[in-house]
């Protein structure tokens, strides 16, 4: 199981707020107009990013 970012739900027009809540620092974003990326090696699939994202763009698969 892993967490992915749905580009259809993410507006990609601001700094991703879920970056700040990731306990492992697994979420990065190249710039404020890019899709956040999840480092699968760091991600522990805790779901904090999913609960924190106001657009519901983070999905568990």
PDB file of N, CA and C in Angstrom:
ATOM      1  N   UNK A   1       0.840  -1.171   0.000  1.00  0.00           N
ATOM      2  CA  UNK A   1       0.000   0.000   0.000  1.00  0.00           C
ATOM      3  C   UNK A   1       0.893   1.244   0.000  1.00  0.00           C
ATOM      4  N   UNK A   2       0.466   2.262  -0.756  1.00  0.00           N
ATOM      5  CA  UNK A   2       1.218   3.513  -0.789  1.00  0.00           C
ATOM      6  C   UNK A   2       0.249   4.679  -0.951  1.00  0.00           C
ATOM      7  N   UNK A   3       0.756   5.884  -0.732  1.00  0.00           N
ATOM      8  CA  UNK A   3      -0.047   7.093  -0.897  1.00  0.00           C
ATOM      9  C   UNK A   3       0.414   7.797  -2.162  1.00  0.00           C
ATOM     10  N   UNK A   4      -0.553   8.228  -2.958  1.00  0.00           N
ATOM     11  CA  UNK A   4      -0.265   8.952  -4.193  1.00  0.00           C
ATOM     12  C   UNK A   4      -1.011  10.280  -4.177  1.00  0.00           C
ATOM     13  N   UNK A   5      -0.631  11.176  -5.082  1.00  0.00           N
ATOM     14  CA  UNK A   5      -1.300  12.467  -5.218  1.00  0.00           C
ATOM     15  C   UNK A   5      -2.095  12.450  -6.517  1.00  0.00           C
ATOM     16  N   UNK A   6      -3.380  12.721  -6.411  1.00  0.00           N
ATOM     17  CA  UNK A   6      -4.257  12.757  -7.578  1.00  0.00           C
ATOM     18  C   UNK A   6      -4.143  14.139  -8.230  1.00  0.00           C
ATOM     19  N   UNK A   7      -3.571  14.237  -9.425  1.00  0.00           N
ATOM     20  CA  UNK A   7      -3.394  15.541 -10.073  1.00  0.00           C
ATOM     21  C   UNK A   7      -4.717  16.211 -10.458  1.00  0.00           C
ATOM     22  N   UNK A   8      -5.798  15.439 -10.537  1.00  0.00           N
ATOM     23  CA  UNK A   8      -7.108  16.016 -10.863  1.00  0.00           C
ATOM     24  C   UNK A   8      -7.677  16.783  -9.671  1.00  0.00           C
ATOM     25  N   UNK A   9      -7.277  16.415  -8.460  1.00  0.00           N
ATOM     26  CA  UNK A   9      -7.786  17.066  -7.247  1.00  0.00           C
ATOM     27  C   UNK A   9      -6.858  18.154  -6.715  1.00  0.00           C
ATOM     28  N   UNK A  10      -5.566  18.038  -7.006  1.00  0.00           N
ATOM     29  CA  UNK A  10      -4.591  19.013  -6.513  1.00  0.00           C
ATOM     30  C   UNK A  10      -4.560  20.219  -7.447  1.00  0.00           C
ATOM     31  N   UNK A  11      -4.850  21.433  -6.921  1.00  0.00           N
ATOM     32  CA  UNK A  11      -4.865  22.614  -7.791  1.00  0.00           C
ATOM     33  C   UNK A  11      -3.479  23.059  -8.263  1.00  0.00           C
ATOM     34  N   UNK A  12      -2.416  22.632  -7.563  1.00  0.00           N
ATOM     35  CA  UNK A  12      -1.042  22.960  -7.943  1.00  0.00           C
ATOM     36  C   UNK A  12      -0.814  24.466  -8.124  1.00  0.00           C
ATOM     37  N   UNK A  13      -1.422  25.256  -7.226  1.00  0.00           N
ATOM     38  CA  UNK A  13      -1.257  26.709  -7.313  1.00  0.00           C
ATOM     39  C   UNK A  13      -0.847  27.324  -5.972  1.00  0.00           C
ATOM     40  N   UNK A  14      -0.331  26.497  -5.078  1.00  0.00           N
ATOM     41  CA  UNK A  14       0.089  26.972  -3.765  1.00  0.00           C
ATOM     42  C   UNK A  14       1.074  25.973  -3.154  1.00  0.00           C
ATOM     43  N   UNK A  15       1.728  26.391  -2.083  1.00  0.00           N
ATOM     44  CA  UNK A  15       2.605  25.451  -1.374  1.00  0.00           C
ATOM     45  C   UNK A  15       1.715  24.394  -0.723  1.00  0.00           C
ATOM     46  N   UNK A  16       2.063  23.157  -0.912  1.00  0.00           N
ATOM     47  CA  UNK A  16       1.274  22.047  -0.380  1.00  0.00           C
ATOM     48  C   UNK A  16       1.272  22.087   1.153  1.00  0.00           C
ATOM     49  N   UNK A  17       0.093  22.234   1.774  1.00  0.00           N
ATOM     50  CA  UNK A  17       0.038  22.292   3.236  1.00  0.00           C
ATOM     51  C   UNK A  17       0.378  20.963   3.911  1.00  0.00           C
ATOM     52  N   UNK A  18       0.248  19.864   3.202  1.00  0.00           N
ATOM     53  CA  UNK A  18       0.525  18.551   3.796  1.00  0.00           C
ATOM     54  C   UNK A  18       2.014  18.310   4.026  1.00  0.00           C
ATOM     55  N   UNK A  19       2.871  19.088   3.377  1.00  0.00           N
ATOM     56  CA  UNK A  19       4.319  18.954   3.582  1.00  0.00           C
ATOM     57  C   UNK A  19       4.652  19.119   5.065  1.00  0.00           C
ATOM     58  N   UNK A  20       4.010  20.083   5.702  1.00  0.00           N
ATOM     59  CA  UNK A  20       4.306  20.409   7.101  1.00  0.00           C
ATOM     60  C   UNK A  20       3.876  19.332   8.091  1.00  0.00           C
ATOM     61  N   UNK A  21       2.918  18.492   7.733  1.00  0.00           N
ATOM     62  CA  UNK A  21       2.418  17.497   8.688  1.00  0.00           C
ATOM     63  C   UNK A  21       3.037  16.114   8.523  1.00  0.00           C
ATOM     64  N   UNK A  22       3.827  15.919   7.486  1.00  0.00           N
ATOM     65  CA  UNK A  22       4.435  14.603   7.258  1.00  0.00           C
ATOM     66  C   UNK A  22       5.534  14.362   8.296  1.00  0.00           C
ATOM     67  N   UNK A  23       5.370  13.340   9.151  1.00  0.00           N
ATOM     68  CA  UNK A  23       6.362  13.107  10.206  1.00  0.00           C
ATOM     69  C   UNK A  23       7.715  12.607   9.698  1.00  0.00           C
ATOM     70  N   UNK A  24       7.777  12.134   8.475  1.00  0.00           N
ATOM     71  CA  UNK A  24       9.022  11.599   7.918  1.00  0.00           C
ATOM     72  C   UNK A  24       9.629  12.492   6.838  1.00  0.00           C
ATOM     73  N   UNK A  25       8.986  13.629   6.536  1.00  0.00           N
ATOM     74  CA  UNK A  25       9.511  14.519   5.504  1.00  0.00           C
ATOM     75  C   UNK A  25       9.492  13.887   4.127  1.00  0.00           C
ATOM     76  N   UNK A  26       8.484  13.054   3.878  1.00  0.00           N
ATOM     77  CA  UNK A  26       8.416  12.303   2.623  1.00  0.00           C
ATOM     78  C   UNK A  26       7.780  13.077   1.471  1.00  0.00           C
ATOM     79  N   UNK A  27       7.198  14.243   1.755  1.00  0.00           N
ATOM     80  CA  UNK A  27       6.522  15.016   0.710  1.00  0.00           C
ATOM     81  C   UNK A  27       7.387  16.207   0.316  1.00  0.00           C
ATOM     82  N   UNK A  28       7.638  16.341  -0.972  1.00  0.00           N
ATOM     83  CA  UNK A  28       8.388  17.482  -1.494  1.00  0.00           C
ATOM     84  C   UNK A  28       7.615  18.090  -2.654  1.00  0.00           C
ATOM     85  N   UNK A  29       7.988  19.303  -2.987  1.00  0.00           N
ATOM     86  CA  UNK A  29       7.344  20.012  -4.092  1.00  0.00           C
ATOM     87  C   UNK A  29       8.409  20.879  -4.756  1.00  0.00           C
ATOM     88  N   UNK A  30       8.586  20.735  -6.058  1.00  0.00           N
ATOM     89  CA  UNK A  30       9.625  21.477  -6.780  1.00  0.00           C
ATOM     90  C   UNK A  30       9.420  22.986  -6.669  1.00  0.00           C
ATOM     91  N   UNK A  31       8.188  23.440  -6.870  1.00  0.00           N
ATOM     92  CA  UNK A  31       7.823  24.843  -6.688  1.00  0.00           C
ATOM     93  C   UNK A  31       6.329  24.893  -6.395  1.00  0.00           C
ATOM     94  N   UNK A  32       5.798  26.081  -6.128  1.00  0.00           N
ATOM     95  CA  UNK A  32       4.389  26.165  -5.724  1.00  0.00           C
ATOM     96  C   UNK A  32       3.411  25.841  -6.849  1.00  0.00           C
ATOM     97  N   UNK A  33       3.897  25.717  -8.057  1.00  0.00           N
ATOM     98  CA  UNK A  33       3.026  25.386  -9.187  1.00  0.00           C
ATOM     99  C   UNK A  33       3.255  23.963  -9.687  1.00  0.00           C
ATOM    100  N   UNK A  34       3.754  23.106  -8.803  1.00  0.00           N
ATOM    101  CA  UNK A  34       3.991  21.719  -9.211  1.00  0.00           C
ATOM    102  C   UNK A  34       3.260  20.757  -8.280  1.00  0.00           C
ATOM    103  N   UNK A  35       3.074  19.565  -8.769  1.00  0.00           N
ATOM    104  CA  UNK A  35       2.410  18.519  -8.006  1.00  0.00           C
ATOM    105  C   UNK A  35       3.345  18.021  -6.898  1.00  0.00           C
ATOM    106  N   UNK A  36       2.851  17.900  -5.671  1.00  0.00           N
ATOM    107  CA  UNK A  36       3.690  17.348  -4.609  1.00  0.00           C
ATOM    108  C   UNK A  36       4.105  15.915  -4.952  1.00  0.00           C
ATOM    109  N   UNK A  37       5.290  15.530  -4.512  1.00  0.00           N
ATOM    110  CA  UNK A  37       5.793  14.181  -4.759  1.00  0.00           C
ATOM    111  C   UNK A  37       6.030  13.486  -3.423  1.00  0.00           C
ATOM    112  N   UNK A  38       5.777  12.184  -3.398  1.00  0.00           N
ATOM    113  CA  UNK A  38       5.960  11.402  -2.179  1.00  0.00           C
ATOM    114  C   UNK A  38       7.119  10.432  -2.374  1.00  0.00           C
ATOM    115  N   UNK A  39       8.076  10.505  -1.464  1.00  0.00           N
ATOM    116  CA  UNK A  39       9.210   9.586  -1.481  1.00  0.00           C
ATOM    117  C   UNK A  39       8.747   8.289  -0.816  1.00  0.00           C
ATOM    118  N   UNK A  40       8.558   7.258  -1.607  1.00  0.00           N
ATOM    119  CA  UNK A  40       8.035   5.989  -1.097  1.00  0.00           C
ATOM    120  C   UNK A  40       8.953   5.338  -0.068  1.00  0.00           C
ATOM    121  N   UNK A  41      10.238   5.620  -0.134  1.00  0.00           N
ATOM    122  CA  UNK A  41      11.174   5.039   0.831  1.00  0.00           C
ATOM    123  C   UNK A  41      11.035   5.682   2.211  1.00  0.00           C
ATOM    124  N   UNK A  42      10.631   6.948   2.249  1.00  0.00           N
ATOM    125  CA  UNK A  42      10.455   7.650   3.524  1.00  0.00           C
ATOM    126  C   UNK A  42       9.036   7.518   4.072  1.00  0.00           C
ATOM    127  N   UNK A  43       8.061   7.407   3.194  1.00  0.00           N
ATOM    128  CA  UNK A  43       6.646   7.396   3.584  1.00  0.00           C
ATOM    129  C   UNK A  43       6.312   6.150   4.405  1.00  0.00           C
ATOM    130  N   UNK A  44       5.647   6.356   5.548  1.00  0.00           N
ATOM    131  CA  UNK A  44       5.227   5.240   6.398  1.00  0.00           C
ATOM    132  C   UNK A  44       3.718   4.995   6.284  1.00  0.00           C
ATOM    133  N   UNK A  45       3.064   5.646   5.337  1.00  0.00           N
ATOM    134  CA  UNK A  45       1.632   5.497   5.047  1.00  0.00           C
ATOM    135  C   UNK A  45       0.794   5.731   6.312  1.00  0.00           C
ATOM    136  N   UNK A  46       1.117   6.787   7.051  1.00  0.00           N
ATOM    137  CA  UNK A  46       0.384   7.106   8.279  1.00  0.00           C
ATOM    138  C   UNK A  46      -0.958   7.774   7.994  1.00  0.00           C
ATOM    139  N   UNK A  47      -1.084   8.410   6.821  1.00  0.00           N
ATOM    140  CA  UNK A  47      -2.341   9.032   6.429  1.00  0.00           C
ATOM    141  C   UNK A  47      -2.534  10.469   6.877  1.00  0.00           C
ATOM    142  N   UNK A  48      -1.553  11.058   7.557  1.00  0.00           N
ATOM    143  CA  UNK A  48      -1.703  12.444   8.010  1.00  0.00           C
ATOM    144  C   UNK A  48      -1.902  13.399   6.837  1.00  0.00           C
ATOM    145  N   UNK A  49      -1.178  13.179   5.752  1.00  0.00           N
ATOM    146  CA  UNK A  49      -1.313  14.044   4.578  1.00  0.00           C
ATOM    147  C   UNK A  49      -2.721  13.937   3.994  1.00  0.00           C
ATOM    148  N   UNK A  50      -3.283  12.744   4.012  1.00  0.00           N
ATOM    149  CA  UNK A  50      -4.629  12.526   3.484  1.00  0.00           C
ATOM    150  C   UNK A  50      -5.658  13.298   4.304  1.00  0.00           C
ATOM    151  N   UNK A  51      -5.512  13.255   5.619  1.00  0.00           N
ATOM    152  CA  UNK A  51      -6.464  13.949   6.496  1.00  0.00           C
ATOM    153  C   UNK A  51      -6.288  15.463   6.442  1.00  0.00           C
ATOM    154  N   UNK A  52      -5.077  15.934   6.197  1.00  0.00           N
ATOM    155  CA  UNK A  52      -4.785  17.363   6.242  1.00  0.00           C
ATOM    156  C   UNK A  52      -5.074  18.095   4.934  1.00  0.00           C
ATOM    157  N   UNK A  53      -4.985  17.411   3.802  1.00  0.00           N
ATOM    158  CA  UNK A  53      -5.173  18.057   2.499  1.00  0.00           C
ATOM    159  C   UNK A  53      -6.616  18.537   2.341  1.00  0.00           C
ATOM    160  N   UNK A  54      -6.829  19.850   2.154  1.00  0.00           N
ATOM    161  CA  UNK A  54      -8.196  20.373   2.028  1.00  0.00           C
ATOM    162  C   UNK A  54      -8.901  19.944   0.741  1.00  0.00           C
ATOM    163  N   UNK A  55      -8.149  19.499  -0.242  1.00  0.00           N
ATOM    164  CA  UNK A  55      -8.734  19.086  -1.527  1.00  0.00           C
ATOM    165  C   UNK A  55      -8.895  17.569  -1.644  1.00  0.00           C
ATOM    166  N   UNK A  56      -8.398  16.826  -0.662  1.00  0.00           N
ATOM    167  CA  UNK A  56      -8.496  15.371  -0.709  1.00  0.00           C
ATOM    168  C   UNK A  56      -7.676  14.755  -1.830  1.00  0.00           C
ATOM    169  N   UNK A  57      -6.553  15.399  -2.155  1.00  0.00           N
ATOM    170  CA  UNK A  57      -5.735  14.955  -3.290  1.00  0.00           C
ATOM    171  C   UNK A  57      -4.841  13.758  -2.972  1.00  0.00           C
ATOM    172  N   UNK A  58      -4.596  13.495  -1.690  1.00  0.00           N
ATOM    173  CA  UNK A  58      -3.755  12.362  -1.310  1.00  0.00           C
ATOM    174  C   UNK A  58      -4.638  11.132  -1.157  1.00  0.00           C
ATOM    175  N   UNK A  59      -4.247  10.054  -1.823  1.00  0.00           N
ATOM    176  CA  UNK A  59      -5.058   8.837  -1.827  1.00  0.00           C
ATOM    177  C   UNK A  59      -4.201   7.616  -1.522  1.00  0.00           C
ATOM    178  N   UNK A  60      -4.764   6.705  -0.745  1.00  0.00           N
ATOM    179  CA  UNK A  60      -4.070   5.452  -0.420  1.00  0.00           C
ATOM    180  C   UNK A  60      -4.405   4.433  -1.495  1.00  0.00           C
ATOM    181  N   UNK A  61      -3.384   3.787  -2.040  1.00  0.00           N
ATOM    182  CA  UNK A  61      -3.593   2.778  -3.094  1.00  0.00           C
ATOM    183  C   UNK A  61      -2.851   1.517  -2.760  1.00  0.00           C
TER     184      UNK A  61
END
